[in-house]
Structure formats: C-alpha cells, structure tokens
Amino acid sequence: RYGDSVKGRFTLSRDNAKNAVYLQMNSLEFDDTAVYYCYVQQKLAFE
C-alpha cells in the first residue's frame, strides 16, 4: 500500500529473509520533509 502523495515516486520492497524493509524515495519534494518512522506489525497470539 502507498500513500496517495508518494505513489509513483516511492517504492517499497521487503526482504523476508532479512526481516527488513526498504523504501526507495525518488523525485523528492519539499513536502516530503518529515520524520519517517518504521512500522512493524507482529501477529502472534495477539496483534
């Protein structure tokens, strides 16, 4: 899923073997300035 403001410019990839995710950000704009937070959802007995 991509946020509307980044569609076509950002690409997310995930490497399950490394438990990692990568965000390639291209054509960056002034409005992309922000603190970026990695998010992980873990689903076991609880979420």
All heavy atoms as atom14 arrays in JSON, in Angstrom:
{
  "sequence": "RYGDSVKGRFTLSRDNAKNAVYLQMNSLEFDDTAVYYCYVQQKLAFE",
  "atom14_mask": [
    [1, 1, 1, 1, 1, 1, 1, 1, 1, 1, 1, 0, 0, 0],
    [1, 1, 1, 1, 1, 1, 1, 1, 1, 1, 1, 1, 0, 0],
    [1, 1, 1, 1, 0, 0, 0, 0, 0, 0, 0, 0, 0, 0],
    [1, 1, 1, 1, 1, 1, 1, 1, 0, 0, 0, 0, 0, 0],
    [1, 1, 1, 1, 1, 1, 0, 0, 0, 0, 0, 0, 0, 0],
    [1, 1, 1, 1, 1, 1, 1, 0, 0, 0, 0, 0, 0, 0],
    [1, 1, 1, 1, 1, 1, 1, 1, 1, 0, 0, 0, 0, 0],
    [1, 1, 1, 1, 0, 0, 0, 0, 0, 0, 0, 0, 0, 0],
    [1, 1, 1, 1, 1, 1, 1, 1, 1, 1, 1, 0, 0, 0],
    [1, 1, 1, 1, 1, 1, 1, 1, 1, 1, 1, 0, 0, 0],
    [1, 1, 1, 1, 1, 1, 1, 0, 0, 0, 0, 0, 0, 0],
    [1, 1, 1, 1, 1, 1, 1, 1, 0, 0, 0, 0, 0, 0],
    [1, 1, 1, 1, 1, 1, 0, 0, 0, 0, 0, 0, 0, 0],
    [1, 1, 1, 1, 1, 1, 1, 1, 1, 1, 1, 0, 0, 0],
    [1, 1, 1, 1, 1, 1, 1, 1, 0, 0, 0, 0, 0, 0],
    [1, 1, 1, 1, 1, 1, 1, 1, 0, 0, 0, 0, 0, 0],
    [1, 1, 1, 1, 1, 0, 0, 0, 0, 0, 0, 0, 0, 0],
    [1, 1, 1, 1, 1, 1, 1, 1, 1, 0, 0, 0, 0, 0],
    [1, 1, 1, 1, 1, 1, 1, 1, 0, 0, 0, 0, 0, 0],
    [1, 1, 1, 1, 1, 0, 0, 0, 0, 0, 0, 0, 0, 0],
    [1, 1, 1, 1, 1, 1, 1, 0, 0, 0, 0, 0, 0, 0],
    [1, 1, 1, 1, 1, 1, 1, 1, 1, 1, 1, 1, 0, 0],
    [1, 1, 1, 1, 1, 1, 1, 1, 0, 0, 0, 0, 0, 0],
    [1, 1, 1, 1, 1, 1, 1, 1, 1, 0, 0, 0, 0, 0],
    [1, 1, 1, 1, 1, 1, 1, 1, 0, 0, 0, 0, 0, 0],
    [1, 1, 1, 1, 1, 1, 1, 1, 0, 0, 0, 0, 0, 0],
    [1, 1, 1, 1, 1, 1, 0, 0, 0, 0, 0, 0, 0, 0],
    [1, 1, 1, 1, 1, 1, 1, 1, 0, 0, 0, 0, 0, 0],
    [1, 1, 1, 1, 1, 1, 1, 1, 1, 0, 0, 0, 0, 0],
    [1, 1, 1, 1, 1, 1, 1, 1, 1, 1, 1, 0, 0, 0],
    [1, 1, 1, 1, 1, 1, 1, 1, 0, 0, 0, 0, 0, 0],
    [1, 1, 1, 1, 1, 1, 1, 1, 0, 0, 0, 0, 0, 0],
    [1, 1, 1, 1, 1, 1, 1, 0, 0, 0, 0, 0, 0, 0],
    [1, 1, 1, 1, 1, 0, 0, 0, 0, 0, 0, 0, 0, 0],
    [1, 1, 1, 1, 1, 1, 1, 0, 0, 0, 0, 0, 0, 0],
    [1, 1, 1, 1, 1, 1, 1, 1, 1, 1, 1, 1, 0, 0],
    [1, 1, 1, 1, 1, 1, 1, 1, 1, 1, 1, 1, 0, 0],
    [1, 1, 1, 1, 1, 1, 0, 0, 0, 0, 0, 0, 0, 0],
    [1, 1, 1, 1, 1, 1, 1, 1, 1, 1, 1, 1, 0, 0],
    [1, 1, 1, 1, 1, 1, 1, 0, 0, 0, 0, 0, 0, 0],
    [1, 1, 1, 1, 1, 1, 1, 1, 1, 0, 0, 0, 0, 0],
    [1, 1, 1, 1, 1, 1, 1, 1, 1, 0, 0, 0, 0, 0],
    [1, 1, 1, 1, 1, 1, 1, 1, 1, 0, 0, 0, 0, 0],
    [1, 1, 1, 1, 1, 1, 1, 1, 0, 0, 0, 0, 0, 0],
    [1, 1, 1, 1, 1, 0, 0, 0, 0, 0, 0, 0, 0, 0],
    [1, 1, 1, 1, 1, 1, 1, 1, 1, 1, 1, 0, 0, 0],
    [1, 1, 1, 1, 1, 1, 1, 1, 1, 0, 0, 0, 0, 0]
  ],
  "atom14_positions": [
    [[0.85, -1.18, 0.0], [0.0, 0.0, 0.0], [0.88, 1.23, 0.0], [1.89, 1.28, 0.7], [-0.91, 0.04, 1.23], [-1.96, -1.03, 1.32], [-2.73, -0.88, 2.63], [-3.43, 0.4, 2.69], [-3.62, 1.09, 3.82], [-3.17, 0.63, 4.96], [-4.3, 2.24, 3.78], [0.0, 0.0, 0.0], [0.0, 0.0, 0.0], [0.0, 0.0, 0.0]],
    [[0.49, 2.23, -0.78], [1.19, 3.5, -0.8], [0.25, 4.64, -0.44], [-0.93, 4.62, -0.81], [1.77, 3.79, -2.18], [2.91, 2.9, -2.59], [2.7, 1.82, -3.44], [4.2, 3.14, -2.13], [3.75, 1.0, -3.83], [5.25, 2.33, -2.52], [5.03, 1.26, -3.36], [6.07, 0.46, -3.74], [0.0, 0.0, 0.0], [0.0, 0.0, 0.0]],
    [[0.79, 5.6, 0.26], [0.03, 6.81, 0.46], [-0.12, 7.55, -0.86], [0.75, 7.49, -1.73], [0.0, 0.0, 0.0], [0.0, 0.0, 0.0], [0.0, 0.0, 0.0], [0.0, 0.0, 0.0], [0.0, 0.0, 0.0], [0.0, 0.0, 0.0], [0.0, 0.0, 0.0], [0.0, 0.0, 0.0], [0.0, 0.0, 0.0], [0.0, 0.0, 0.0]],
    [[-1.23, 8.25, -1.01], [-1.51, 8.92, -2.27], [-0.41, 9.91, -2.67], [-0.11, 10.07, -3.86], [-2.85, 9.65, -2.2], [-4.03, 8.7, -2.18], [-3.88, 7.54, -2.6], [-5.12, 9.13, -1.74], [0.0, 0.0, 0.0], [0.0, 0.0, 0.0], [0.0, 0.0, 0.0], [0.0, 0.0, 0.0], [0.0, 0.0, 0.0], [0.0, 0.0, 0.0]],
    [[0.17, 10.57, -1.72], [1.15, 11.61, -2.01], [2.48, 11.07, -2.52], [3.29, 11.84, -3.04], [1.39, 12.49, -0.78], [1.95, 11.73, 0.28], [0.0, 0.0, 0.0], [0.0, 0.0, 0.0], [0.0, 0.0, 0.0], [0.0, 0.0, 0.0], [0.0, 0.0, 0.0], [0.0, 0.0, 0.0], [0.0, 0.0, 0.0], [0.0, 0.0, 0.0]],
    [[2.72, 9.78, -2.37], [4.01, 9.22, -2.78], [3.9, 8.23, -3.92], [4.93, 7.74, -4.4], [4.74, 8.56, -1.59], [4.82, 9.51, -0.4], [4.06, 7.26, -1.18], [0.0, 0.0, 0.0], [0.0, 0.0, 0.0], [0.0, 0.0, 0.0], [0.0, 0.0, 0.0], [0.0, 0.0, 0.0], [0.0, 0.0, 0.0], [0.0, 0.0, 0.0]],
    [[2.71, 7.93, -4.36], [2.53, 6.97, -5.44], [3.27, 7.42, -6.69], [3.18, 8.58, -7.1], [1.05, 6.79, -5.75], [0.29, 6.0, -4.71], [-1.17, 5.84, -5.09], [-1.92, 5.03, -4.06], [-3.37, 4.92, -4.39], [0.0, 0.0, 0.0], [0.0, 0.0, 0.0], [0.0, 0.0, 0.0], [0.0, 0.0, 0.0], [0.0, 0.0, 0.0]],
    [[3.99, 6.5, -7.29], [4.74, 6.8, -8.49], [6.12, 7.33, -8.23], [6.93, 7.42, -9.16], [0.0, 0.0, 0.0], [0.0, 0.0, 0.0], [0.0, 0.0, 0.0], [0.0, 0.0, 0.0], [0.0, 0.0, 0.0], [0.0, 0.0, 0.0], [0.0, 0.0, 0.0], [0.0, 0.0, 0.0], [0.0, 0.0, 0.0], [0.0, 0.0, 0.0]],
    [[6.42, 7.71, -7.0], [7.73, 8.25, -6.66], [8.51, 7.37, -5.7], [9.74, 7.31, -5.77], [7.59, 9.65, -6.06], [6.92, 10.66, -6.98], [6.97, 12.07, -6.39], [6.24, 12.16, -5.12], [6.81, 12.49, -3.96], [8.1, 12.78, -3.9], [6.07, 12.55, -2.86], [0.0, 0.0, 0.0], [0.0, 0.0, 0.0], [0.0, 0.0, 0.0]],
    [[7.81, 6.72, -4.79], [8.45, 5.87, -3.79], [8.19, 4.41, -4.11], [7.13, 4.06, -4.63], [7.92, 6.16, -2.39], [8.28, 7.52, -1.84], [8.91, 8.48, -2.61], [7.96, 7.82, -0.52], [9.23, 9.72, -2.09], [8.28, 9.06, 0.01], [8.91, 10.01, -0.77], [0.0, 0.0, 0.0], [0.0, 0.0, 0.0], [0.0, 0.0, 0.0]],
    [[9.14, 3.57, -3.78], [8.99, 2.14, -3.97], [9.4, 1.42, -2.7], [10.5, 1.61, -2.18], [9.85, 1.64, -5.13], [9.49, 2.32, -6.35], [9.64, 0.13, -5.33], [0.0, 0.0, 0.0], [0.0, 0.0, 0.0], [0.0, 0.0, 0.0], [0.0, 0.0, 0.0], [0.0, 0.0, 0.0], [0.0, 0.0, 0.0], [0.0, 0.0, 0.0]],
    [[8.51, 0.6, -2.2], [8.78, -0.19, -1.01], [9.13, -1.62, -1.41], [8.45, -2.2, -2.27], [7.57, -0.2, -0.08], [7.76, -0.85, 1.29], [8.6, 0.05, 2.19], [6.42, -1.16, 1.94], [0.0, 0.0, 0.0], [0.0, 0.0, 0.0], [0.0, 0.0, 0.0], [0.0, 0.0, 0.0], [0.0, 0.0, 0.0], [0.0, 0.0, 0.0]],
    [[10.14, -2.16, -0.81], [10.49, -3.55, -1.02], [10.74, -4.22, 0.32], [11.14, -3.57, 1.29], [11.72, -3.69, -1.93], [12.85, -3.05, -1.35], [0.0, 0.0, 0.0], [0.0, 0.0, 0.0], [0.0, 0.0, 0.0], [0.0, 0.0, 0.0], [0.0, 0.0, 0.0], [0.0, 0.0, 0.0], [0.0, 0.0, 0.0], [0.0, 0.0, 0.0]],
    [[10.49, -5.51, 0.36], [10.61, -6.24, 1.61], [11.44, -7.49, 1.38], [11.23, -8.22, 0.41], [9.23, -6.59, 2.15], [9.24, -7.4, 3.43], [7.85, -7.45, 4.05], [7.81, -8.34, 5.19], [6.8, -8.43, 6.06], [5.73, -7.67, 5.89], [6.86, -9.29, 7.07], [0.0, 0.0, 0.0], [0.0, 0.0, 0.0], [0.0, 0.0, 0.0]],
    [[12.36, -7.73, 2.29], [13.21, -8.91, 2.25], [12.89, -9.73, 3.5], [13.39, -9.44, 4.59], [14.68, -8.52, 2.21], [15.6, -9.71, 2.0], [15.18, -10.85, 2.24], [16.75, -9.5, 1.58], [0.0, 0.0, 0.0], [0.0, 0.0, 0.0], [0.0, 0.0, 0.0], [0.0, 0.0, 0.0], [0.0, 0.0, 0.0], [0.0, 0.0, 0.0]],
    [[12.06, -10.72, 3.34], [11.64, -11.52, 4.49], [12.8, -12.3, 5.1], [12.81, -12.55, 6.31], [10.52, -12.47, 4.08], [9.23, -11.75, 3.78], [8.9, -10.75, 4.4], [8.48, -12.27, 2.81], [0.0, 0.0, 0.0], [0.0, 0.0, 0.0], [0.0, 0.0, 0.0], [0.0, 0.0, 0.0], [0.0, 0.0, 0.0], [0.0, 0.0, 0.0]],
    [[13.76, -12.71, 4.29], [14.9, -13.45, 4.8], [15.74, -12.61, 5.75], [16.41, -13.15, 6.63], [15.76, -13.96, 3.64], [0.0, 0.0, 0.0], [0.0, 0.0, 0.0], [0.0, 0.0, 0.0], [0.0, 0.0, 0.0], [0.0, 0.0, 0.0], [0.0, 0.0, 0.0], [0.0, 0.0, 0.0], [0.0, 0.0, 0.0], [0.0, 0.0, 0.0]],
    [[15.73, -11.3, 5.56], [16.5, -10.4, 6.4], [15.64, -9.66, 7.41], [16.16, -8.82, 8.16], [17.26, -9.4, 5.54], [18.34, -10.01, 4.67], [19.1, -8.94, 3.9], [20.21, -9.54, 3.08], [20.95, -8.51, 2.31], [0.0, 0.0, 0.0], [0.0, 0.0, 0.0], [0.0, 0.0, 0.0], [0.0, 0.0, 0.0], [0.0, 0.0, 0.0]],
    [[14.36, -9.94, 7.43], [13.45, -9.2, 8.31], [13.62, -7.7, 8.11], [13.72, -6.94, 9.08], [13.69, -9.56, 9.77], [12.79, -10.69, 10.25], [12.12, -11.37, 9.47], [12.76, -10.9, 11.56], [0.0, 0.0, 0.0], [0.0, 0.0, 0.0], [0.0, 0.0, 0.0], [0.0, 0.0, 0.0], [0.0, 0.0, 0.0], [0.0, 0.0, 0.0]],
    [[13.64, -7.29, 6.86], [13.92, -5.9, 6.55], [12.97, -5.37, 5.5], [12.42, -6.12, 4.69], [15.37, -5.74, 6.08], [0.0, 0.0, 0.0], [0.0, 0.0, 0.0], [0.0, 0.0, 0.0], [0.0, 0.0, 0.0], [0.0, 0.0, 0.0], [0.0, 0.0, 0.0], [0.0, 0.0, 0.0], [0.0, 0.0, 0.0], [0.0, 0.0, 0.0]],
    [[12.82, -4.07, 5.51], [12.03, -3.38, 4.51], [12.81, -2.14, 4.07], [13.49, -1.51, 4.88], [10.63, -3.02, 5.05], [10.72, -2.0, 6.18], [9.73, -2.54, 3.93], [0.0, 0.0, 0.0], [0.0, 0.0, 0.0], [0.0, 0.0, 0.0], [0.0, 0.0, 0.0], [0.0, 0.0, 0.0], [0.0, 0.0, 0.0], [0.0, 0.0, 0.0]],
    [[12.7, -1.82, 2.78], [13.46, -0.72, 2.21], [12.51, 0.22, 1.47], [11.6, -0.22, 0.77], [14.52, -1.23, 1.25], [15.37, -2.33, 1.83], [15.08, -3.66, 1.57], [16.46, -2.03, 2.65], [15.85, -4.68, 2.12], [17.23, -3.04, 3.2], [16.93, -4.36, 2.93], [17.7, -5.36, 3.47], [0.0, 0.0, 0.0], [0.0, 0.0, 0.0]],
    [[12.76, 1.48, 1.63], [11.96, 2.49, 0.97], [12.85, 3.31, 0.06], [13.67, 4.1, 0.54], [11.26, 3.4, 1.99], [10.34, 4.47, 1.4], [9.12, 3.82, 0.76], [9.93, 5.47, 2.48], [0.0, 0.0, 0.0], [0.0, 0.0, 0.0], [0.0, 0.0, 0.0], [0.0, 0.0, 0.0], [0.0, 0.0, 0.0], [0.0, 0.0, 0.0]],
    [[12.69, 3.12, -1.24], [13.41, 3.91, -2.22], [12.58, 5.13, -2.56], [11.47, 5.01, -3.09], [13.69, 3.09, -3.48], [14.43, 3.87, -4.57], [15.81, 4.29, -4.15], [16.59, 3.49, -3.64], [16.13, 5.56, -4.35], [0.0, 0.0, 0.0], [0.0, 0.0, 0.0], [0.0, 0.0, 0.0], [0.0, 0.0, 0.0], [0.0, 0.0, 0.0]],
    [[13.1, 6.29, -2.26], [12.38, 7.54, -2.46], [13.04, 8.32, -3.59], [14.21, 8.7, -3.49], [12.37, 8.37, -1.17], [11.78, 7.64, 0.03], [11.62, 8.69, 1.49], [13.35, 8.96, 1.88], [0.0, 0.0, 0.0], [0.0, 0.0, 0.0], [0.0, 0.0, 0.0], [0.0, 0.0, 0.0], [0.0, 0.0, 0.0], [0.0, 0.0, 0.0]],
    [[12.3, 8.54, -4.65], [12.78, 9.28, -5.8], [11.95, 10.55, -6.0], [10.85, 10.68, -5.46], [12.71, 8.42, -7.06], [13.58, 7.2, -6.99], [14.68, 7.23, -6.44], [13.1, 6.1, -7.57], [0.0, 0.0, 0.0], [0.0, 0.0, 0.0], [0.0, 0.0, 0.0], [0.0, 0.0, 0.0], [0.0, 0.0, 0.0], [0.0, 0.0, 0.0]],
    [[12.49, 11.45, -6.78], [11.79, 12.7, -7.1], [11.29, 13.39, -5.84], [10.14, 13.83, -5.75], [10.63, 12.45, -8.06], [11.08, 11.85, -9.26], [0.0, 0.0, 0.0], [0.0, 0.0, 0.0], [0.0, 0.0, 0.0], [0.0, 0.0, 0.0], [0.0, 0.0, 0.0], [0.0, 0.0, 0.0], [0.0, 0.0, 0.0], [0.0, 0.0, 0.0]],
    [[12.16, 13.5, -4.87], [11.77, 14.05, -3.57], [11.37, 15.52, -3.69], [11.96, 16.28, -4.47], [12.9, 13.89, -2.57], [13.04, 12.46, -2.02], [14.41, 12.24, -1.4], [11.94, 12.17, -1.01], [0.0, 0.0, 0.0], [0.0, 0.0, 0.0], [0.0, 0.0, 0.0], [0.0, 0.0, 0.0], [0.0, 0.0, 0.0], [0.0, 0.0, 0.0]],
    [[10.39, 15.89, -2.92], [9.82, 17.22, -2.92], [9.93, 17.84, -1.53], [10.14, 17.14, -0.55], [8.35, 17.18, -3.35], [8.13, 16.52, -4.7], [6.67, 16.2, -4.97], [5.84, 16.34, -4.05], [6.36, 15.82, -6.12], [0.0, 0.0, 0.0], [0.0, 0.0, 0.0], [0.0, 0.0, 0.0], [0.0, 0.0, 0.0], [0.0, 0.0, 0.0]],
    [[9.76, 19.16, -1.47], [9.82, 19.85, -0.18], [8.85, 19.24, 0.83], [9.18, 19.1, 2.01], [9.52, 21.34, -0.35], [10.56, 22.08, -1.13], [10.19, 22.89, -2.19], [11.9, 22.01, -0.79], [11.15, 23.59, -2.91], [12.87, 22.7, -1.5], [12.48, 23.5, -2.57], [0.0, 0.0, 0.0], [0.0, 0.0, 0.0], [0.0, 0.0, 0.0]],
    [[7.68, 18.86, 0.36], [6.65, 18.33, 1.25], [6.95, 16.93, 1.76], [6.23, 16.42, 2.62], [5.29, 18.33, 0.55], [4.7, 19.72, 0.39], [5.21, 20.66, 1.04], [3.72, 19.87, -0.36], [0.0, 0.0, 0.0], [0.0, 0.0, 0.0], [0.0, 0.0, 0.0], [0.0, 0.0, 0.0], [0.0, 0.0, 0.0], [0.0, 0.0, 0.0]],
    [[7.99, 16.31, 1.25], [8.42, 15.02, 1.78], [9.22, 15.16, 3.07], [9.52, 14.16, 3.71], [9.24, 14.26, 0.74], [8.43, 13.86, -0.48], [7.27, 13.42, -0.3], [8.95, 14.0, -1.6], [0.0, 0.0, 0.0], [0.0, 0.0, 0.0], [0.0, 0.0, 0.0], [0.0, 0.0, 0.0], [0.0, 0.0, 0.0], [0.0, 0.0, 0.0]],
    [[9.57, 16.37, 3.41], [10.31, 16.61, 4.65], [9.48, 16.18, 5.85], [8.36, 16.65, 6.05], [10.7, 18.09, 4.78], [11.59, 18.44, 3.72], [11.39, 18.34, 6.12], [0.0, 0.0, 0.0], [0.0, 0.0, 0.0], [0.0, 0.0, 0.0], [0.0, 0.0, 0.0], [0.0, 0.0, 0.0], [0.0, 0.0, 0.0], [0.0, 0.0, 0.0]],
    [[10.03, 15.29, 6.64], [9.31, 14.75, 7.79], [10.22, 13.81, 8.55], [11.31, 13.46, 8.09], [8.05, 14.0, 7.34], [0.0, 0.0, 0.0], [0.0, 0.0, 0.0], [0.0, 0.0, 0.0], [0.0, 0.0, 0.0], [0.0, 0.0, 0.0], [0.0, 0.0, 0.0], [0.0, 0.0, 0.0], [0.0, 0.0, 0.0], [0.0, 0.0, 0.0]],
    [[9.76, 13.41, 9.71], [10.38, 12.3, 10.41], [9.7, 11.03, 9.93], [8.47, 10.91, 9.98], [10.26, 12.43, 11.94], [10.87, 11.21, 12.63], [10.94, 13.7, 12.42], [0.0, 0.0, 0.0], [0.0, 0.0, 0.0], [0.0, 0.0, 0.0], [0.0, 0.0, 0.0], [0.0, 0.0, 0.0], [0.0, 0.0, 0.0], [0.0, 0.0, 0.0]],
    [[10.49, 10.1, 9.47], [9.98, 8.85, 8.95], [10.15, 7.76, 9.99], [11.24, 7.55, 10.52], [10.71, 8.46, 7.65], [10.29, 9.29, 6.47], [10.59, 10.65, 6.4], [9.58, 8.72, 5.42], [10.18, 11.42, 5.33], [9.17, 9.48, 4.34], [9.48, 10.84, 4.29], [9.08, 11.59, 3.22], [0.0, 0.0, 0.0], [0.0, 0.0, 0.0]],
    [[9.06, 7.06, 10.27], [9.04, 6.04, 11.3], [8.8, 4.67, 10.69], [7.82, 4.48, 9.97], [7.95, 6.31, 12.32], [8.13, 7.59, 13.12], [7.55, 8.78, 12.7], [8.89, 7.59, 14.28], [7.71, 9.94, 13.43], [9.06, 8.75, 15.01], [8.47, 9.93, 14.58], [8.63, 11.07, 15.31], [0.0, 0.0, 0.0], [0.0, 0.0, 0.0]],
    [[9.67, 3.74, 10.99], [9.43, 2.37, 10.59], [8.3, 1.79, 11.43], [8.2, 2.07, 12.63], [10.69, 1.53, 10.76], [10.51, -0.19, 10.23], [0.0, 0.0, 0.0], [0.0, 0.0, 0.0], [0.0, 0.0, 0.0], [0.0, 0.0, 0.0], [0.0, 0.0, 0.0], [0.0, 0.0, 0.0], [0.0, 0.0, 0.0], [0.0, 0.0, 0.0]],
    [[7.47, 1.02, 10.79], [6.32, 0.4, 11.44], [6.35, -1.1, 11.2], [6.56, -1.55, 10.07], [5.02, 0.99, 10.88], [3.79, 0.23, 11.27], [3.16, 0.45, 12.5], [3.24, -0.72, 10.41], [2.02, -0.25, 12.85], [2.09, -1.42, 10.76], [1.49, -1.18, 11.98], [0.36, -1.87, 12.33], [0.0, 0.0, 0.0], [0.0, 0.0, 0.0]],
    [[6.12, -1.84, 12.27], [6.06, -3.3, 12.17], [4.86, -3.8, 12.94], [4.65, -3.43, 14.09], [7.35, -3.95, 12.7], [7.18, -5.48, 12.76], [8.54, -3.6, 11.83], [0.0, 0.0, 0.0], [0.0, 0.0, 0.0], [0.0, 0.0, 0.0], [0.0, 0.0, 0.0], [0.0, 0.0, 0.0], [0.0, 0.0, 0.0], [0.0, 0.0, 0.0]],
    [[4.11, -4.65, 12.31], [3.01, -5.34, 12.95], [3.39, -6.8, 13.13], [3.79, -7.47, 12.17], [1.73, -5.24, 12.12], [0.53, -5.92, 12.74], [-0.64, -5.98, 11.8], [-0.71, -6.85, 10.93], [-1.56, -5.02, 11.94], [0.0, 0.0, 0.0], [0.0, 0.0, 0.0], [0.0, 0.0, 0.0], [0.0, 0.0, 0.0], [0.0, 0.0, 0.0]],
    [[3.28, -7.26, 14.35], [3.56, -8.65, 14.66], [2.28, -9.31, 15.14], [1.62, -8.81, 16.06], [4.65, -8.75, 15.74], [5.05, -10.18, 16.09], [5.99, -10.23, 17.28], [5.79, -9.51, 18.26], [7.01, -11.07, 17.19], [0.0, 0.0, 0.0], [0.0, 0.0, 0.0], [0.0, 0.0, 0.0], [0.0, 0.0, 0.0], [0.0, 0.0, 0.0]],
    [[1.95, -10.42, 14.52], [0.73, -11.12, 14.88], [1.08, -12.5, 15.42], [1.49, -13.39, 14.69], [-0.2, -11.23, 13.67], [-1.63, -11.56, 14.03], [-2.55, -11.39, 12.83], [-4.01, -11.57, 13.21], [-4.9, -11.37, 12.04], [0.0, 0.0, 0.0], [0.0, 0.0, 0.0], [0.0, 0.0, 0.0], [0.0, 0.0, 0.0], [0.0, 0.0, 0.0]],
    [[0.89, -12.65, 16.7], [1.09, -13.94, 17.37], [-0.24, -14.31, 18.01], [-1.26, -14.36, 17.33], [2.24, -13.84, 18.39], [3.6, -13.45, 17.79], [4.6, -13.16, 18.89], [4.11, -14.54, 16.86], [0.0, 0.0, 0.0], [0.0, 0.0, 0.0], [0.0, 0.0, 0.0], [0.0, 0.0, 0.0], [0.0, 0.0, 0.0], [0.0, 0.0, 0.0]],
    [[-0.23, -14.58, 19.3], [-1.49, -14.8, 20.0], [-2.31, -13.51, 20.0], [-3.54, -13.55, 19.93], [-1.24, -15.29, 21.42], [0.0, 0.0, 0.0], [0.0, 0.0, 0.0], [0.0, 0.0, 0.0], [0.0, 0.0, 0.0], [0.0, 0.0, 0.0], [0.0, 0.0, 0.0], [0.0, 0.0, 0.0], [0.0, 0.0, 0.0], [0.0, 0.0, 0.0]],
    [[-1.61, -12.39, 20.09], [-2.21, -11.08, 19.98], [-1.53, -10.33, 18.84], [-0.5, -10.77, 18.3], [-2.07, -10.28, 21.29], [-2.82, -10.85, 22.44], [-2.24, -11.78, 23.28], [-4.12, -10.44, 22.7], [-2.93, -12.31, 24.35], [-4.83, -10.96, 23.78], [-4.23, -11.89, 24.61], [0.0, 0.0, 0.0], [0.0, 0.0, 0.0], [0.0, 0.0, 0.0]],
    [[-2.11, -9.22, 18.48], [-1.52, -8.36, 17.47], [-0.76, -7.23, 18.15], [-1.31, -6.52, 18.99], [-2.6, -7.81, 16.55], [-2.08, -7.03, 15.37], [-3.19, -6.63, 14.42], [-3.67, -7.53, 13.69], [-3.58, -5.45, 14.42], [0.0, 0.0, 0.0], [0.0, 0.0, 0.0], [0.0, 0.0, 0.0], [0.0, 0.0, 0.0], [0.0, 0.0, 0.0]]
  ]
}
